[in-house]
N, C-alpha and C. Protein backbone atom coordinates (compact mmCIF):
# COMPACT_ATOMS: atom_id res chain seq x y z
N PHE A 1 95.57 -170.26 -93.80
CA PHE A 1 96.17 -171.43 -94.40
C PHE A 1 95.28 -172.08 -95.46
N GLY A 2 94.07 -171.61 -95.59
CA GLY A 2 93.20 -172.15 -96.61
C GLY A 2 92.34 -173.32 -96.17
N PHE A 3 92.26 -173.61 -94.87
CA PHE A 3 91.40 -174.67 -94.38
C PHE A 3 90.94 -174.29 -92.97
N ASP A 4 89.89 -174.98 -92.50
CA ASP A 4 89.38 -174.70 -91.16
C ASP A 4 89.54 -175.93 -90.27
N HIS A 5 89.12 -175.81 -89.01
CA HIS A 5 89.30 -176.92 -88.07
C HIS A 5 88.45 -178.13 -88.43
N ALA A 6 87.36 -177.95 -89.14
CA ALA A 6 86.54 -179.08 -89.56
C ALA A 6 87.33 -179.95 -90.54
N TYR A 7 87.96 -179.32 -91.51
CA TYR A 7 88.76 -180.06 -92.50
C TYR A 7 89.96 -180.72 -91.83
N LEU A 8 90.64 -179.98 -90.97
CA LEU A 8 91.79 -180.53 -90.27
C LEU A 8 91.38 -181.71 -89.40
N GLY A 9 90.25 -181.57 -88.69
CA GLY A 9 89.75 -182.66 -87.87
C GLY A 9 89.47 -183.91 -88.69
N GLN A 10 88.88 -183.72 -89.85
CA GLN A 10 88.59 -184.86 -90.72
C GLN A 10 89.88 -185.55 -91.16
N LEU A 11 90.90 -184.76 -91.51
CA LEU A 11 92.18 -185.35 -91.91
C LEU A 11 92.84 -186.11 -90.76
N LEU A 12 92.79 -185.53 -89.57
CA LEU A 12 93.38 -186.21 -88.41
C LEU A 12 92.66 -187.52 -88.11
N LEU A 13 91.35 -187.50 -88.18
CA LEU A 13 90.60 -188.73 -87.93
C LEU A 13 90.94 -189.81 -88.95
N ARG A 14 91.16 -189.41 -90.19
CA ARG A 14 91.56 -190.37 -91.22
C ARG A 14 92.93 -190.96 -90.88
N GLU A 15 93.87 -190.09 -90.47
CA GLU A 15 95.22 -190.55 -90.10
C GLU A 15 95.17 -191.51 -88.91
N TRP A 16 94.27 -191.24 -87.98
CA TRP A 16 94.13 -192.06 -86.78
C TRP A 16 93.28 -193.30 -87.02
N ARG A 17 92.86 -193.48 -88.26
CA ARG A 17 92.06 -194.64 -88.67
C ARG A 17 90.70 -194.73 -87.94
N ILE A 18 90.14 -193.57 -87.66
CA ILE A 18 88.78 -193.50 -87.13
C ILE A 18 87.85 -193.76 -88.32
N PRO A 19 86.77 -194.49 -88.15
CA PRO A 19 85.89 -194.81 -89.29
C PRO A 19 85.50 -193.56 -90.09
N ALA A 20 85.53 -193.72 -91.40
CA ALA A 20 85.27 -192.60 -92.31
C ALA A 20 83.96 -191.87 -92.06
N PRO A 21 82.85 -192.56 -91.71
CA PRO A 21 81.61 -191.81 -91.47
C PRO A 21 81.75 -190.76 -90.36
N ILE A 22 82.52 -191.08 -89.33
CA ILE A 22 82.74 -190.09 -88.26
C ILE A 22 83.54 -188.92 -88.80
N GLY A 23 84.55 -189.20 -89.59
CA GLY A 23 85.34 -188.13 -90.21
C GLY A 23 84.50 -187.22 -91.09
N HIS A 24 83.57 -187.81 -91.83
CA HIS A 24 82.70 -187.00 -92.69
C HIS A 24 81.81 -186.07 -91.87
N LEU A 25 81.33 -186.56 -90.73
CA LEU A 25 80.51 -185.71 -89.86
C LEU A 25 81.32 -184.54 -89.32
N VAL A 26 82.53 -184.83 -88.87
CA VAL A 26 83.39 -183.77 -88.36
C VAL A 26 83.73 -182.79 -89.47
N GLY A 27 84.08 -183.30 -90.63
CA GLY A 27 84.43 -182.43 -91.75
C GLY A 27 83.28 -181.57 -92.25
N GLY A 28 82.07 -182.03 -92.05
CA GLY A 28 80.92 -181.30 -92.57
C GLY A 28 80.09 -180.57 -91.54
N HIS A 29 80.60 -180.44 -90.32
CA HIS A 29 79.74 -179.86 -89.28
C HIS A 29 79.46 -178.37 -89.45
N HIS A 30 80.20 -177.68 -90.30
CA HIS A 30 79.89 -176.26 -90.55
C HIS A 30 78.72 -176.12 -91.52
N ASP A 31 78.47 -177.16 -92.29
CA ASP A 31 77.35 -177.18 -93.23
C ASP A 31 76.68 -178.55 -93.12
N PRO A 32 76.02 -178.80 -91.97
CA PRO A 32 75.55 -180.15 -91.69
C PRO A 32 74.55 -180.72 -92.69
N PHE A 33 73.82 -179.87 -93.38
CA PHE A 33 72.79 -180.39 -94.27
C PHE A 33 73.31 -180.70 -95.66
N ALA A 34 74.61 -180.54 -95.84
CA ALA A 34 75.27 -180.98 -97.07
C ALA A 34 75.88 -182.37 -96.87
N CYS A 35 75.81 -182.88 -95.63
CA CYS A 35 76.38 -184.19 -95.29
C CYS A 35 75.39 -185.30 -95.58
N GLU A 36 75.93 -186.51 -95.67
CA GLU A 36 75.09 -187.69 -95.91
C GLU A 36 74.16 -187.96 -94.73
N HIS A 37 74.60 -187.64 -93.52
CA HIS A 37 73.80 -187.85 -92.30
C HIS A 37 73.64 -186.51 -91.60
N PRO A 38 72.72 -185.69 -92.06
CA PRO A 38 72.62 -184.32 -91.56
C PRO A 38 72.26 -184.20 -90.08
N LYS A 39 71.45 -185.12 -89.55
CA LYS A 39 71.10 -185.00 -88.13
C LYS A 39 72.33 -185.22 -87.25
N ASP A 40 73.14 -186.19 -87.59
CA ASP A 40 74.36 -186.44 -86.83
C ASP A 40 75.34 -185.27 -86.96
N ALA A 41 75.47 -184.73 -88.16
CA ALA A 41 76.35 -183.57 -88.37
C ALA A 41 75.81 -182.35 -87.64
N ALA A 42 74.49 -182.25 -87.52
CA ALA A 42 73.88 -181.13 -86.80
C ALA A 42 74.22 -181.19 -85.31
N VAL A 43 74.35 -182.40 -84.76
CA VAL A 43 74.76 -182.54 -83.35
C VAL A 43 76.16 -181.96 -83.17
N ILE A 44 77.06 -182.31 -84.07
CA ILE A 44 78.43 -181.80 -83.97
C ILE A 44 78.45 -180.29 -84.21
N HIS A 45 77.66 -179.82 -85.14
CA HIS A 45 77.53 -178.39 -85.42
C HIS A 45 77.07 -177.64 -84.16
N ALA A 46 76.02 -178.14 -83.50
CA ALA A 46 75.52 -177.49 -82.29
C ALA A 46 76.56 -177.54 -81.17
N ALA A 47 77.22 -178.68 -81.00
CA ALA A 47 78.25 -178.79 -79.97
C ALA A 47 79.38 -177.80 -80.22
N ASP A 48 79.76 -177.63 -81.46
CA ASP A 48 80.81 -176.68 -81.83
C ASP A 48 80.40 -175.26 -81.46
N VAL A 49 79.19 -174.88 -81.82
CA VAL A 49 78.70 -173.53 -81.52
C VAL A 49 78.64 -173.31 -80.01
N PHE A 50 78.08 -174.27 -79.27
CA PHE A 50 77.95 -174.11 -77.82
C PHE A 50 79.32 -174.09 -77.14
N ALA A 51 80.24 -174.95 -77.58
CA ALA A 51 81.58 -174.96 -76.98
C ALA A 51 82.28 -173.62 -77.20
N LEU A 52 82.15 -173.07 -78.38
CA LEU A 52 82.77 -171.77 -78.65
C LEU A 52 82.09 -170.66 -77.84
N ALA A 53 80.77 -170.72 -77.73
CA ALA A 53 80.04 -169.71 -76.97
C ALA A 53 80.42 -169.75 -75.49
N LEU A 54 80.71 -170.94 -74.98
CA LEU A 54 81.07 -171.10 -73.57
C LEU A 54 82.58 -171.00 -73.35
N ARG A 55 83.30 -170.72 -74.42
CA ARG A 55 84.77 -170.59 -74.37
C ARG A 55 85.44 -171.87 -73.87
N MET A 56 84.94 -172.99 -74.35
CA MET A 56 85.52 -174.29 -74.02
C MET A 56 86.54 -174.70 -75.07
N GLY A 57 86.95 -173.80 -75.87
CA GLY A 57 87.91 -174.05 -76.93
C GLY A 57 87.85 -172.90 -77.89
N THR A 58 88.62 -173.02 -78.94
CA THR A 58 88.61 -171.97 -79.95
C THR A 58 88.81 -172.58 -81.33
N SER A 59 88.19 -171.96 -82.28
CA SER A 59 88.36 -172.39 -83.67
C SER A 59 89.34 -171.48 -84.38
N GLY A 60 89.85 -170.49 -83.64
CA GLY A 60 90.72 -169.49 -84.24
C GLY A 60 89.96 -168.24 -84.64
N SER A 61 88.65 -168.27 -84.52
CA SER A 61 87.83 -167.12 -84.89
C SER A 61 87.51 -166.32 -83.64
N TRP A 62 87.35 -165.03 -83.82
CA TRP A 62 86.97 -164.15 -82.71
C TRP A 62 85.47 -164.21 -82.45
N PHE A 63 84.72 -164.75 -83.38
CA PHE A 63 83.27 -164.73 -83.30
C PHE A 63 82.69 -166.13 -83.13
N VAL A 64 81.59 -166.20 -82.41
CA VAL A 64 80.86 -167.46 -82.29
C VAL A 64 79.98 -167.59 -83.52
N PRO A 65 80.07 -168.71 -84.23
CA PRO A 65 79.24 -168.86 -85.43
C PRO A 65 77.77 -169.00 -85.08
N MET A 66 76.93 -168.69 -86.03
CA MET A 66 75.49 -168.85 -85.85
C MET A 66 75.13 -170.33 -85.87
N LEU A 67 74.22 -170.71 -85.00
CA LEU A 67 73.66 -172.05 -85.04
C LEU A 67 72.63 -172.07 -86.17
N GLU A 68 72.80 -172.97 -87.11
CA GLU A 68 71.88 -173.06 -88.24
C GLU A 68 70.45 -173.29 -87.75
N LYS A 69 69.51 -172.50 -88.26
CA LYS A 69 68.10 -172.66 -87.85
C LYS A 69 67.60 -174.07 -88.11
N GLU A 70 68.01 -174.64 -89.21
CA GLU A 70 67.57 -176.00 -89.54
C GLU A 70 68.13 -177.01 -88.54
N ALA A 71 69.34 -176.78 -88.03
CA ALA A 71 69.91 -177.66 -87.00
C ALA A 71 69.09 -177.56 -85.73
N TRP A 72 68.71 -176.34 -85.35
CA TRP A 72 67.88 -176.12 -84.17
C TRP A 72 66.59 -176.92 -84.27
N LYS A 73 65.94 -176.84 -85.44
CA LYS A 73 64.69 -177.56 -85.67
C LYS A 73 64.90 -179.07 -85.71
N THR A 74 65.92 -179.51 -86.43
CA THR A 74 66.20 -180.93 -86.59
C THR A 74 66.48 -181.60 -85.25
N LEU A 75 67.22 -180.91 -84.39
CA LEU A 75 67.58 -181.47 -83.09
C LEU A 75 66.49 -181.26 -82.04
N GLU A 76 65.42 -180.56 -82.45
CA GLU A 76 64.29 -180.30 -81.58
C GLU A 76 64.71 -179.63 -80.28
N LEU A 77 65.61 -178.63 -80.42
CA LEU A 77 66.06 -177.87 -79.28
C LEU A 77 65.02 -176.80 -78.95
N SER A 78 64.93 -176.47 -77.67
CA SER A 78 64.05 -175.39 -77.25
C SER A 78 64.84 -174.51 -76.28
N PRO A 79 64.49 -173.24 -76.20
CA PRO A 79 65.18 -172.38 -75.24
C PRO A 79 65.10 -172.93 -73.81
N ALA A 80 64.00 -173.56 -73.46
CA ALA A 80 63.83 -174.11 -72.11
C ALA A 80 64.78 -175.28 -71.84
N SER A 81 65.19 -175.99 -72.88
CA SER A 81 66.05 -177.16 -72.69
C SER A 81 67.53 -176.79 -72.63
N LEU A 82 67.88 -175.57 -72.97
CA LEU A 82 69.30 -175.22 -73.06
C LEU A 82 70.03 -175.32 -71.73
N GLU A 83 69.41 -174.89 -70.64
CA GLU A 83 70.11 -174.93 -69.36
C GLU A 83 70.50 -176.36 -68.99
N SER A 84 69.55 -177.30 -69.07
CA SER A 84 69.88 -178.68 -68.70
C SER A 84 70.88 -179.27 -69.69
N PHE A 85 70.74 -178.92 -70.94
CA PHE A 85 71.66 -179.38 -71.98
C PHE A 85 73.09 -178.93 -71.66
N LEU A 86 73.25 -177.66 -71.31
CA LEU A 86 74.58 -177.12 -71.02
C LEU A 86 75.14 -177.65 -69.71
N VAL A 87 74.29 -177.83 -68.70
CA VAL A 87 74.75 -178.39 -67.42
C VAL A 87 75.24 -179.83 -67.63
N GLN A 88 74.48 -180.61 -68.39
CA GLN A 88 74.89 -181.99 -68.66
C GLN A 88 76.19 -182.00 -69.48
N GLY A 89 76.29 -181.12 -70.46
CA GLY A 89 77.51 -181.04 -71.27
C GLY A 89 78.73 -180.70 -70.43
N GLU A 90 78.57 -179.77 -69.49
CA GLU A 90 79.68 -179.40 -68.59
C GLU A 90 80.10 -180.60 -67.74
N ARG A 91 79.12 -181.34 -67.22
CA ARG A 91 79.42 -182.52 -66.42
C ARG A 91 80.17 -183.57 -67.24
N GLN A 92 79.69 -183.81 -68.45
CA GLN A 92 80.34 -184.80 -69.30
C GLN A 92 81.75 -184.36 -69.71
N MET A 93 81.93 -183.07 -69.93
CA MET A 93 83.26 -182.55 -70.27
C MET A 93 84.21 -182.78 -69.09
N GLN A 94 83.73 -182.52 -67.88
CA GLN A 94 84.57 -182.72 -66.70
C GLN A 94 84.92 -184.19 -66.52
N GLU A 95 83.96 -185.09 -66.75
CA GLU A 95 84.22 -186.52 -66.65
C GLU A 95 85.27 -186.96 -67.67
N THR A 96 85.17 -186.44 -68.88
CA THR A 96 86.14 -186.77 -69.92
C THR A 96 87.52 -186.26 -69.56
N MET A 97 87.59 -185.02 -69.06
CA MET A 97 88.88 -184.45 -68.66
C MET A 97 89.50 -185.27 -67.53
N ASN A 98 88.67 -185.77 -66.61
CA ASN A 98 89.19 -186.58 -65.51
C ASN A 98 89.76 -187.91 -65.99
N ILE A 99 89.24 -188.42 -67.09
CA ILE A 99 89.79 -189.67 -67.65
C ILE A 99 91.20 -189.41 -68.18
N PHE A 100 91.38 -188.30 -68.89
CA PHE A 100 92.67 -188.00 -69.50
C PHE A 100 93.64 -187.36 -68.51
N PHE A 101 93.13 -186.62 -67.55
CA PHE A 101 93.96 -185.91 -66.59
C PHE A 101 93.43 -186.18 -65.18
N PRO A 102 93.65 -187.40 -64.66
CA PRO A 102 93.11 -187.74 -63.35
C PRO A 102 93.69 -186.86 -62.24
N GLN A 103 92.86 -186.57 -61.25
CA GLN A 103 93.30 -185.81 -60.08
C GLN A 103 94.21 -186.72 -59.26
N ARG A 104 95.25 -186.16 -58.72
CA ARG A 104 96.16 -186.98 -57.88
C ARG A 104 95.94 -186.66 -56.44
């Protein structure tokens, strides 16, 4: 269709009247260092890569994108921190899902 989920997400956030800076971060997360706030965009970029790697969603691509080396450095990630990072992310995802889809 000529656009990706980052662009579509930015358009939806604009329609939903979410503040423009958040929309810019979402729209630029595939190239976080071209954004006005690269560290914040790098967080979204890393979350996107990890979510796709863990099959917590799909971007429509068969492949998991590479995590930008500069994002890895900027966010000060280390291989040792990944397990706790992913465990915490799974917990937070479950908490969020429970808000929208409470258990009966």
